[in-house]
């Protein structure tokens, strides 16, 4: 028997479908809800606004890595999942990247990524996050996010097999032991 999808899953699918077809600023919460037959009240039980939904869709990729890999996950696992997720949903991400309003792409994904990397280092490796490491994480994430934005905006998405080694070779030396 197939498991019934939750309203949150339906909203995710609806958002991906609509943002893959239309610019973010042209898609309303009402459109997202009507597309998946979920009430606006239910939408607002889960999300503050459509930007919150976009950020959640993105962080779902991170959550999937944690669930799939458990304690054996590494930065390599995160990079693979993130790059593959962006490749798999490139139309969605192109629309999201083009949106420059409140909670744009860079702001929506930076904090969850930073938290994810820090959590991995502290929980799996029991290492303390130093100021030097935080600076390295920040520089690395902003560089990767900026490069991914560039690829999406120029419709020049490279295959995941090409991007993953590229991102890994650009990792600051202080972080490479976590690959």
Foldseek 3Di string as FASTA:
>chain_A
DDDDDDPLVLLLVLLLVVLLPDAPVVDALVSSCVSRVHDSVVVVVPAVGVLRSVLVSLCVLVVVLCVVQPLNDFVLSVLLSNLVVCVVSLSNVLSQLVDDDPNGPLNSHLVSVLVSLQCNCCPNVVDDQDPVNSVLSNVLSVVVSVVVSVCSPVVNRDPSVVVSVVSLVPRDPVRNVRD
